[in-house]
């Protein structure tokens, strides 16, 4: 890792894969004042990517652009090799197919300047399984974002068995400087942290829909108007600790611990058969109530920004 530029000195980022996640990364890095080169094999990649950046830019302007930030600092290249030729950091965001990830990361390793850290946006694969074909796997890390990367601060960073620990430290520092909220994981965990928690809630929701116990609208409302508002301030652990009053988590566990034996959850995934599939899809359509995807995205973006501002997590926003 001796040739790696210091995170503070990074000026050019390459984004390989320009779909929803990759495009979100492009928008984020542009807003933070970086020069960005991007590549995607799709024939319409450039116009689609620029539309995504244009759509994200109003939200990014509200969040606050870094000095020098500009959409004009985006270059879309014809080849992968051109995209990474002068990159000082690489963010890979290809589809979730293990063979594809292995092949692509090996190509990126061969084409990217020596010492430059390469991060994968994978949402589930451990880096140990993805770095098998790379000649220098020590610089490969996971940098798992949450959608959309330009708006949701979280990124989970973890290496594989052959990753140099210094690459993990470097990536965590870089993401921090790039305005992300970083979790540096000590070890690989299937699905990482946030997805594991999100998946448990998702499976329980599917069970309730499948059994006719709640509608999609009921489930979403139960979170957005209930614990979700608390989780925006602090996570579930501290939220539960507050349920113990002055006794904190100790009293909470003493008082509510026995309820863990109650049959409240069914964490095994239900069969996603056609009936459940149709019920979930129809429920989402009903909950949308005529709003388009674009309408919902804009509504979500405004809402998250308002929460971030109200909770003092935007520069200069403060709480009184």
Foldseek 3Di string as FASTA:
>chain_A
DVPADFLVPFAEEEQEDQDQASLLVVLLLLQAQHQYEYEYPDPCRVVVSLVSSVLCVVLSVLLPGHPNRDPVSYHYDPDPLVRQQPGSEYEYEDDPDQVVLQVVVQVCLVRHPPPRAYEYQDQFDAQQSRPVNHPQQQRYWYFHADPHNNQAQETEIEHHPRHNVVNSVRVQVNSVSSRHDYDYDPHDDGSPPPSVVVLQLVQQVLVCLVVVNDAPLRSVCCQVVHCVLVVLQPHPQQVLQCVLPPVGPVSSCVPCVVCVPPPPGDRDHDPCDPVSVVRNVVRVVVNCVPPDPSRVVVVVSVVSSVSCLQNVNRPPSDHD
